[in-house]
C-alpha atoms as a PDB file:
ATOM      1  CA  MET A   1      32.648  -3.394 -10.394  1.00  0.00           C
ATOM      2  CA  SER A   2      29.431  -4.587  -8.783  1.00  0.00           C
ATOM      3  CA  ARG A   3      26.753  -2.022  -8.041  1.00  0.00           C
ATOM      4  CA  LYS A   4      25.929  -1.278  -4.405  1.00  0.00           C
ATOM      5  CA  LYS A   5      22.512  -2.765  -3.765  1.00  0.00           C
ATOM      6  CA  ASN A   6      21.217   0.023  -1.561  1.00  0.00           C
ATOM      7  CA  SER A   7      22.050   3.660  -0.926  1.00  0.00           C
ATOM      8  CA  ASN A   8      21.458   3.341   2.820  1.00  0.00           C
ATOM      9  CA  PRO A   9      23.955   1.158   4.714  1.00  0.00           C
ATOM     10  CA  GLU A  10      21.332   0.158   7.280  1.00  0.00           C
ATOM     11  CA  ASP A  11      19.206  -1.375   4.530  1.00  0.00           C
ATOM     12  CA  PRO A  12      20.435  -4.606   2.909  1.00  0.00           C
ATOM     13  CA  ALA A  13      19.243  -5.557  -0.553  1.00  0.00           C
ATOM     14  CA  THR A  14      15.502  -6.036  -0.865  1.00  0.00           C
ATOM     15  CA  SER A  15      13.552  -8.309  -3.150  1.00  0.00           C
ATOM     16  CA  LEU A  16      11.909  -5.511  -5.083  1.00  0.00           C
ATOM     17  CA  LEU A  17      14.737  -3.014  -5.469  1.00  0.00           C
ATOM     18  CA  GLY A  18      17.196  -5.839  -6.083  1.00  0.00           C
ATOM     19  CA  SER A  19      20.518  -4.525  -7.371  1.00  0.00           C
ATOM     20  CA  LYS A  20      19.093  -1.135  -8.335  1.00  0.00           C
ATOM     21  CA  HIS A  21      19.941   2.093  -6.607  1.00  0.00           C
ATOM     22  CA  ARG A  22      16.760   3.864  -5.516  1.00  0.00           C
ATOM     23  CA  SER A  23      17.410   6.626  -8.032  1.00  0.00           C
ATOM     24  CA  GLN A  24      17.142   4.063 -10.850  1.00  0.00           C
ATOM     25  CA  PHE A  25      13.807   2.594  -9.857  1.00  0.00           C
ATOM     26  CA  ASN A  26      11.187   3.503 -12.466  1.00  0.00           C
ATOM     27  CA  ARG A  27       8.607   5.866 -11.004  1.00  0.00           C
ATOM     28  CA  GLY A  28       6.772   6.095 -14.318  1.00  0.00           C
ATOM     29  CA  ARG A  29       3.638   7.879 -15.364  1.00  0.00           C
ATOM     30  CA  ILE A  30       0.702   8.577 -13.071  1.00  0.00           C
ATOM     31  CA  LEU A  31      -1.810   5.745 -13.350  1.00  0.00           C
ATOM     32  CA  PRO A  32      -4.973   6.610 -15.312  1.00  0.00           C
ATOM     33  CA  ALA A  33      -8.474   6.383 -13.853  1.00  0.00           C
ATOM     34  CA  SER A  34      -9.073   3.305 -16.030  1.00  0.00           C
ATOM     35  CA  PHE A  35      -6.490   1.393 -13.953  1.00  0.00           C
ATOM     36  CA  TYR A  36      -8.832   1.562 -10.956  1.00  0.00           C
ATOM     37  CA  ALA A  37     -12.086   1.011 -12.878  1.00  0.00           C
ATOM     38  CA  ARG A  38     -11.755  -2.781 -12.706  1.00  0.00           C
ATOM     39  CA  GLU A  39     -12.458  -5.579 -10.258  1.00  0.00           C
ATOM     40  CA  THR A  40     -10.891  -4.755  -6.912  1.00  0.00           C
ATOM     41  CA  GLU A  41      -8.907  -7.991  -6.707  1.00  0.00           C
ATOM     42  CA  ILE A  42      -7.208  -7.241 -10.039  1.00  0.00           C
ATOM     43  CA  VAL A  43      -6.334  -3.713  -8.960  1.00  0.00           C
ATOM     44  CA  ALA A  44      -4.964  -4.935  -5.615  1.00  0.00           C
ATOM     45  CA  ARG A  45      -2.678  -7.409  -7.359  1.00  0.00           C
ATOM     46  CA  GLU A  46      -1.473  -4.944  -9.986  1.00  0.00           C
ATOM     47  CA  MET A  47      -0.801  -2.192  -7.450  1.00  0.00           C
ATOM     48  CA  LEU A  48       2.169  -4.223  -6.223  1.00  0.00           C
ATOM     49  CA  GLY A  49       5.283  -2.519  -7.583  1.00  0.00           C
ATOM     50  CA  THR A  50       3.568   0.808  -8.193  1.00  0.00           C
ATOM     51  CA  VAL A  51       4.724   3.949  -6.387  1.00  0.00           C
ATOM     52  CA  LEU A  52       2.603   5.893  -3.913  1.00  0.00           C
ATOM     53  CA  GLU A  53       3.803   9.511  -3.820  1.00  0.00           C
ATOM     54  CA  CYS A  54       2.701  12.374  -1.580  1.00  0.00           C
ATOM     55  CA  ARG A  55       3.740  16.020  -1.907  1.00  0.00           C
ATOM     56  CA  THR A  56       3.321  18.406   1.011  1.00  0.00           C
ATOM     57  CA  ALA A  57       4.854  21.709   2.068  1.00  0.00           C
ATOM     58  CA  ASP A  58       7.587  19.648   3.745  1.00  0.00           C
ATOM     59  CA  GLY A  59       8.620  17.913   0.538  1.00  0.00           C
ATOM     60  CA  ILE A  60       8.043  14.731  -1.475  1.00  0.00           C
ATOM     61  CA  ALA A  61       7.922  11.263   0.039  1.00  0.00           C
ATOM     62  CA  SER A  62       7.162   8.041  -1.797  1.00  0.00           C
ATOM     63  CA  GLY A  63       7.340   4.292  -1.520  1.00  0.00           C
ATOM     64  CA  ILE A  64       6.923   1.168  -3.603  1.00  0.00           C
ATOM     65  CA  ILE A  65       3.683  -0.627  -2.774  1.00  0.00           C
ATOM     66  CA  VAL A  66       4.555  -4.099  -1.479  1.00  0.00           C
ATOM     67  CA  GLU A  67       1.345  -5.102   0.329  1.00  0.00           C
ATOM     68  CA  THR A  68      -2.325  -4.538  -0.439  1.00  0.00           C
ATOM     69  CA  GLU A  69      -5.748  -5.756   0.690  1.00  0.00           C
ATOM     70  CA  ALA A  70      -9.002  -5.716  -1.264  1.00  0.00           C
ATOM     71  CA  TYR A  71     -12.350  -4.680   0.243  1.00  0.00           C
ATOM     72  CA  LEU A  72     -15.273  -5.619  -1.945  1.00  0.00           C
ATOM     73  CA  GLY A  73     -18.373  -3.657  -1.069  1.00  0.00           C
ATOM     74  CA  GLU A  74     -21.610  -3.992   0.841  1.00  0.00           C
ATOM     75  CA  ASN A  75     -21.513  -7.815   0.959  1.00  0.00           C
ATOM     76  CA  ASP A  76     -18.003  -7.861   2.412  1.00  0.00           C
ATOM     77  CA  LEU A  77     -18.404  -7.757   6.187  1.00  0.00           C
ATOM     78  CA  ALA A  78     -14.923  -6.271   6.603  1.00  0.00           C
ATOM     79  CA  CYS A  79     -15.622  -3.385   4.216  1.00  0.00           C
ATOM     80  CA  HIS A  80     -16.888  -0.070   5.591  1.00  0.00           C
ATOM     81  CA  ALA A  81     -19.592  -0.148   2.915  1.00  0.00           C
ATOM     82  CA  VAL A  82     -21.378  -2.945   4.804  1.00  0.00           C
ATOM     83  CA  VAL A  83     -23.248  -0.166   6.666  1.00  0.00           C
ATOM     84  CA  GLY A  84     -24.268   1.487   3.406  1.00  0.00           C
ATOM     85  CA  ARG A  85     -23.660   5.030   2.235  1.00  0.00           C
ATOM     86  CA  THR A  86     -22.875   7.357   5.139  1.00  0.00           C
ATOM     87  CA  ALA A  87     -20.894  10.542   5.577  1.00  0.00           C
ATOM     88  CA  ARG A  88     -17.863   8.389   6.329  1.00  0.00           C
ATOM     89  CA  THR A  89     -18.250   5.942   3.436  1.00  0.00           C
ATOM     90  CA  ALA A  90     -19.427   8.343   0.716  1.00  0.00           C
ATOM     91  CA  TYR A  91     -16.124   8.342  -1.171  1.00  0.00           C
ATOM     92  CA  LEU A  92     -16.088   4.535  -1.291  1.00  0.00           C
ATOM     93  CA  TYR A  93     -18.938   4.780  -3.780  1.00  0.00           C
ATOM     94  CA  GLY A  94     -16.758   6.271  -6.465  1.00  0.00           C
ATOM     95  CA  PRO A  95     -15.611   7.432  -8.871  1.00  0.00           C
ATOM     96  CA  PRO A  96     -12.681   5.034  -9.286  1.00  0.00           C
ATOM     97  CA  GLY A  97      -9.225   6.470  -8.823  1.00  0.00           C
ATOM     98  CA  ILE A  98      -9.849   8.674  -5.808  1.00  0.00           C
ATOM     99  CA  ALA A  99      -8.441   8.400  -2.293  1.00  0.00           C
ATOM    100  CA  TYR A 100     -10.435   6.967   0.593  1.00  0.00           C
ATOM    101  CA  VAL A 101      -8.640   7.981   3.801  1.00  0.00           C
ATOM    102  CA  TYR A 102     -10.066   7.104   7.199  1.00  0.00           C
ATOM    103  CA  PHE A 103      -9.056   7.354  10.857  1.00  0.00           C
ATOM    104  CA  ILE A 104      -8.676   4.338  13.160  1.00  0.00           C
ATOM    105  CA  TYR A 105      -8.088   3.866  16.886  1.00  0.00           C
ATOM    106  CA  GLY A 106      -8.219   7.634  17.296  1.00  0.00           C
ATOM    107  CA  MET A 107      -4.580   7.716  16.186  1.00  0.00           C
ATOM    108  CA  TYR A 108      -3.860   6.626  12.604  1.00  0.00           C
ATOM    109  CA  TRP A 109      -4.875   7.438   9.058  1.00  0.00           C
ATOM    110  CA  CYS A 110      -5.250   4.630   6.503  1.00  0.00           C
ATOM    111  CA  PHE A 111      -5.017   5.133   2.749  1.00  0.00           C
ATOM    112  CA  ASN A 112      -7.145   3.311   0.143  1.00  0.00           C
ATOM    113  CA  ALA A 113      -7.574   3.631  -3.620  1.00  0.00           C
ATOM    114  CA  VAL A 114     -11.234   3.468  -4.689  1.00  0.00           C
ATOM    115  CA  THR A 115     -12.001   0.887  -7.384  1.00  0.00           C
ATOM    116  CA  ARG A 116     -14.713  -0.365  -9.764  1.00  0.00           C
ATOM    117  CA  ALA A 117     -17.470   1.774 -11.268  1.00  0.00           C
ATOM    118  CA  GLU A 118     -19.005   4.684  -9.419  1.00  0.00           C
ATOM    119  CA  GLY A 119     -21.743   3.458  -7.103  1.00  0.00           C
ATOM    120  CA  LEU A 120     -20.034   0.116  -6.401  1.00  0.00           C
ATOM    121  CA  PRO A 121     -18.275   0.751  -3.072  1.00  0.00           C
ATOM    122  CA  SER A 122     -14.899  -0.956  -2.944  1.00  0.00           C
ATOM    123  CA  ALA A 123     -11.252  -0.088  -2.455  1.00  0.00           C
ATOM    124  CA  VAL A 124      -7.702  -1.338  -2.072  1.00  0.00           C
ATOM    125  CA  LEU A 125      -6.028  -0.678   1.265  1.00  0.00           C
ATOM    126  CA  VAL A 126      -2.298  -0.033   0.960  1.00  0.00           C
ATOM    127  CA  ARG A 127      -0.781  -1.918   3.895  1.00  0.00           C
ATOM    128  CA  ALA A 128       2.964  -1.449   3.349  1.00  0.00           C
ATOM    129  CA  LEU A 129       5.535   0.391   1.253  1.00  0.00           C
ATOM    130  CA  GLU A 130       9.221  -0.009   0.552  1.00  0.00           C
ATOM    131  CA  PRO A 131      10.587   3.535   1.151  1.00  0.00           C
ATOM    132  CA  LEU A 132      11.813   5.200  -2.029  1.00  0.00           C
ATOM    133  CA  ASP A 133      11.998   9.011  -1.991  1.00  0.00           C
ATOM    134  CA  GLY A 134      12.156  11.357   0.985  1.00  0.00           C
ATOM    135  CA  ILE A 135      13.427   8.818   3.505  1.00  0.00           C
ATOM    136  CA  GLU A 136      15.023  11.525   5.638  1.00  0.00           C
ATOM    137  CA  LEU A 137      11.662  13.328   5.739  1.00  0.00           C
ATOM    138  CA  MET A 138       9.963  10.079   6.753  1.00  0.00           C
ATOM    139  CA  HIS A 139      12.365   9.730   9.681  1.00  0.00           C
ATOM    140  CA  LYS A 140      11.592  13.305  10.766  1.00  0.00           C
ATOM    141  CA  ARG A 141       7.892  12.509  10.750  1.00  0.00           C
ATOM    142  CA  ARG A 142       8.459   9.267  12.676  1.00  0.00           C
ATOM    143  CA  PRO A 143      11.437  10.178  14.892  1.00  0.00           C
ATOM    144  CA  GLN A 144      11.104   7.140  17.156  1.00  0.00           C
ATOM    145  CA  THR A 145      11.698   4.803  14.213  1.00  0.00           C
ATOM    146  CA  LYS A 146      15.379   3.925  13.933  1.00  0.00           C
ATOM    147  CA  HIS A 147      15.351   1.589  10.934  1.00  0.00           C
ATOM    148  CA  SER A 148      13.857   2.256   7.504  1.00  0.00           C
ATOM    149  CA  ALA A 149      12.268  -1.194   7.471  1.00  0.00           C
ATOM    150  CA  ALA A 150       9.846  -0.008  10.167  1.00  0.00           C
ATOM    151  CA  LEU A 151       9.001   3.350   8.601  1.00  0.00           C
ATOM    152  CA  THR A 152       6.215   2.182   6.326  1.00  0.00           C
ATOM    153  CA  ASN A 153       5.450  -1.471   7.181  1.00  0.00           C
ATOM    154  CA  GLY A 154       1.851  -0.865   8.186  1.00  0.00           C
ATOM    155  CA  PRO A 155      -1.086   1.238   6.941  1.00  0.00           C
ATOM    156  CA  GLY A 156      -0.908   3.786   9.762  1.00  0.00           C
ATOM    157  CA  LYS A 157       2.880   3.979   9.632  1.00  0.00           C
ATOM    158  CA  LEU A 158       3.023   4.682   5.910  1.00  0.00           C
ATOM    159  CA  CYS A 159       0.453   7.463   6.141  1.00  0.00           C
ATOM    160  CA  ALA A 160       2.424   9.140   8.923  1.00  0.00           C
ATOM    161  CA  ALA A 161       5.692   8.755   6.997  1.00  0.00           C
ATOM    162  CA  LEU A 162       4.288  10.145   3.737  1.00  0.00           C
ATOM    163  CA  GLY A 163       2.189  12.890   5.341  1.00  0.00           C
ATOM    164  CA  ILE A 164      -1.156  11.425   4.235  1.00  0.00           C
ATOM    165  CA  THR A 165      -4.075  12.791   6.279  1.00  0.00           C
ATOM    166  CA  GLY A 166      -7.848  12.986   6.182  1.00  0.00           C
ATOM    167  CA  ALA A 167      -7.557  16.256   4.244  1.00  0.00           C
ATOM    168  CA  MET A 168      -6.758  14.053   1.228  1.00  0.00           C
ATOM    169  CA  ASN A 169      -9.937  11.988   1.513  1.00  0.00           C
ATOM    170  CA  GLY A 170     -11.795  12.045  -1.806  1.00  0.00           C
ATOM    171  CA  LEU A 171      -8.958  13.601  -3.806  1.00  0.00           C
ATOM    172  CA  SER A 172      -8.074  12.365  -7.276  1.00  0.00           C
ATOM    173  CA  LEU A 173      -5.039  10.093  -7.426  1.00  0.00           C
ATOM    174  CA  ARG A 174      -4.059  11.658 -10.742  1.00  0.00           C
ATOM    175  CA  ARG A 175      -2.713  14.955  -9.450  1.00  0.00           C
ATOM    176  CA  LYS A 176      -0.831  16.238  -6.442  1.00  0.00           C
ATOM    177  CA  PRO A 177      -0.717  16.152  -3.513  1.00  0.00           C
ATOM    178  CA  ILE A 178      -1.193  12.376  -3.793  1.00  0.00           C
ATOM    179  CA  VAL A 179      -0.656  10.148  -6.835  1.00  0.00           C
ATOM    180  CA  ILE A 180       0.181   6.555  -7.697  1.00  0.00           C
ATOM    181  CA  ARG A 181       2.770   5.985 -10.439  1.00  0.00           C
ATOM    182  CA  GLU A 182       3.141   2.849 -12.562  1.00  0.00           C
ATOM    183  CA  GLY A 183       6.466   1.787 -11.018  1.00  0.00           C
ATOM    184  CA  GLU A 184       7.768  -1.626 -12.103  1.00  0.00           C
ATOM    185  CA  HIS A 185       5.997  -4.925 -12.724  1.00  0.00           C
ATOM    186  CA  VAL A 186       6.142  -7.642 -10.059  1.00  0.00           C
ATOM    187  CA  ALA A 187       6.084 -11.122 -11.593  1.00  0.00           C
ATOM    188  CA  ASP A 188       3.467 -13.630 -10.422  1.00  0.00           C
ATOM    189  CA  GLY A 189       6.213 -15.828  -9.012  1.00  0.00           C
ATOM    190  CA  ASP A 190       7.198 -13.009  -6.665  1.00  0.00           C
ATOM    191  CA  VAL A 191       3.700 -12.576  -5.220  1.00  0.00           C
ATOM    192  CA  GLU A 192       2.051 -14.274  -2.225  1.00  0.00           C
ATOM    193  CA  VAL A 193      -1.706 -14.248  -1.566  1.00  0.00           C
ATOM    194  CA  THR A 194      -3.034 -14.661   1.975  1.00  0.00           C
ATOM    195  CA  THR A 195      -6.163 -14.013   3.975  1.00  0.00           C
ATOM    196  CA  ARG A 196      -6.598 -10.475   5.258  1.00  0.00           C
ATOM    197  CA  ILE A 197      -5.140  -9.693   8.673  1.00  0.00           C
ATOM    198  CA  GLY A 198      -6.376  -7.848  11.733  1.00  0.00           C
ATOM    199  CA  ILE A 199     -10.003  -8.763  10.991  1.00  0.00           C
ATOM    200  CA  ALA A 200     -12.412 -10.501  13.349  1.00  0.00           C
ATOM    201  CA  PRO A 201     -13.297 -14.084  12.234  1.00  0.00           C
ATOM    202  CA  ALA A 202     -16.962 -13.186  11.765  1.00  0.00           C
ATOM    203  CA  ARG A 203     -16.094 -10.417   9.284  1.00  0.00           C
ATOM    204  CA  SER A 204     -15.010 -12.384   6.199  1.00  0.00           C
ATOM    205  CA  ALA A 205     -11.571 -12.879   7.706  1.00  0.00           C
ATOM    206  CA  ASP A 206     -10.922 -16.055   5.707  1.00  0.00           C
ATOM    207  CA  TRP A 207     -11.196 -14.382   2.287  1.00  0.00           C
ATOM    208  CA  PRO A 208      -7.829 -14.549   0.433  1.00  0.00           C
ATOM    209  CA  LEU A 209      -7.627 -10.859  -0.410  1.00  0.00           C
ATOM    210  CA  ARG A 210      -4.156  -9.811   0.754  1.00  0.00           C
ATOM    211  CA  TRP A 211      -1.305  -9.548  -1.754  1.00  0.00           C
ATOM    212  CA  ILE A 212       2.353  -9.151  -0.771  1.00  0.00           C
ATOM    213  CA  VAL A 213       5.698  -9.100  -2.540  1.00  0.00           C
ATOM    214  CA  LYS A 214       7.317 -12.396  -1.571  1.00  0.00           C
ATOM    215  CA  ASP A 215      10.293 -12.159   0.799  1.00  0.00           C
ATOM    216  CA  ASN A 216      10.118  -8.377   0.927  1.00  0.00           C
ATOM    217  CA  ARG A 217      11.140  -7.259   4.407  1.00  0.00           C
ATOM    218  CA  PHE A 218       8.948  -4.165   4.336  1.00  0.00           C
ATOM    219  CA  VAL A 219       5.592  -5.998   4.446  1.00  0.00           C
ATOM    220  CA  SER A 220       3.624  -5.626   7.665  1.00  0.00           C
ATOM    221  CA  HIS A 221       3.464  -9.328   8.566  1.00  0.00           C
ATOM    222  CA  PRO A 222       5.843 -11.481   6.500  1.00  0.00           C
ATOM    223  CA  ILE A 223       4.947 -15.082   5.759  1.00  0.00           C
ATOM    224  CA  ARG A 224       7.286 -17.177   7.829  1.00  0.00           C
ATOM    225  CA  VAL A 225       8.191 -20.751   6.924  1.00  0.00           C
ATOM    226  CA  ARG A 226       8.103 -23.085   9.917  1.00  0.00           C
ATOM    227  CA  LYS A 227      11.254 -25.080  10.670  1.00  0.00           C
ATOM    228  CA  ALA A 228       9.388 -28.322  10.034  1.00  0.00           C
ATOM    229  CA  ASP A 229       8.396 -27.067   6.576  1.00  0.00           C
ATOM    230  CA  GLN A 230      12.001 -26.091   5.862  1.00  0.00           C
ATOM    231  CA  ARG A 231      13.195 -29.607   6.710  1.00  0.00           C
ATOM    232  CA  GLN A 232      10.626 -31.115   4.356  1.00  0.00           C
ATOM    233  CA  ALA A 233      11.479 -28.775   1.464  1.00  0.00           C
END
């Protein structure tokens, strides 16, 4: 008998979960601080397939990281650190393995994992998750969202769905309420690299620092093949 590919009938099979039931996806151990104490680009790539988990009084919600962006410090015009150390950017300066959570548009929180050595301001923005645990709770937090594919396919959406707020800014990612677990490896052939999105052209917008799981329908802006390209393939 073939295994059902997904526990939720509204969700067809996805490229990362594949034929596994959500309960069988490996959450794994909490990532050590040494995971983050490396070049930001390496961390951004290797965060694909890991599990972001948040525990609040309402319960546990988690998702598989399927899209990340790297922000590289004071010489990166798109990084908050370009203005130097301020009250807002202080946590970007380390130590590695803490949360950097900031507010945008007066509406949304965005979650980042701080990288490299202390004093070198850089981080990985988590842009999208594939929902894993606490999906019912995510729907309660985002009641206007009818389909699970839209629960966490953006940095503000995923924070709302998981209950991530500015109160978690600066917290260690090695203990609750917010942790990242090792999850499952994503092969290089299943990864796409693109330029970052939503950035003004003058702010290092052409740097190829966005990593996504190929063909995963939970990413914020999937790469679409043009019809002309399909005919040539």
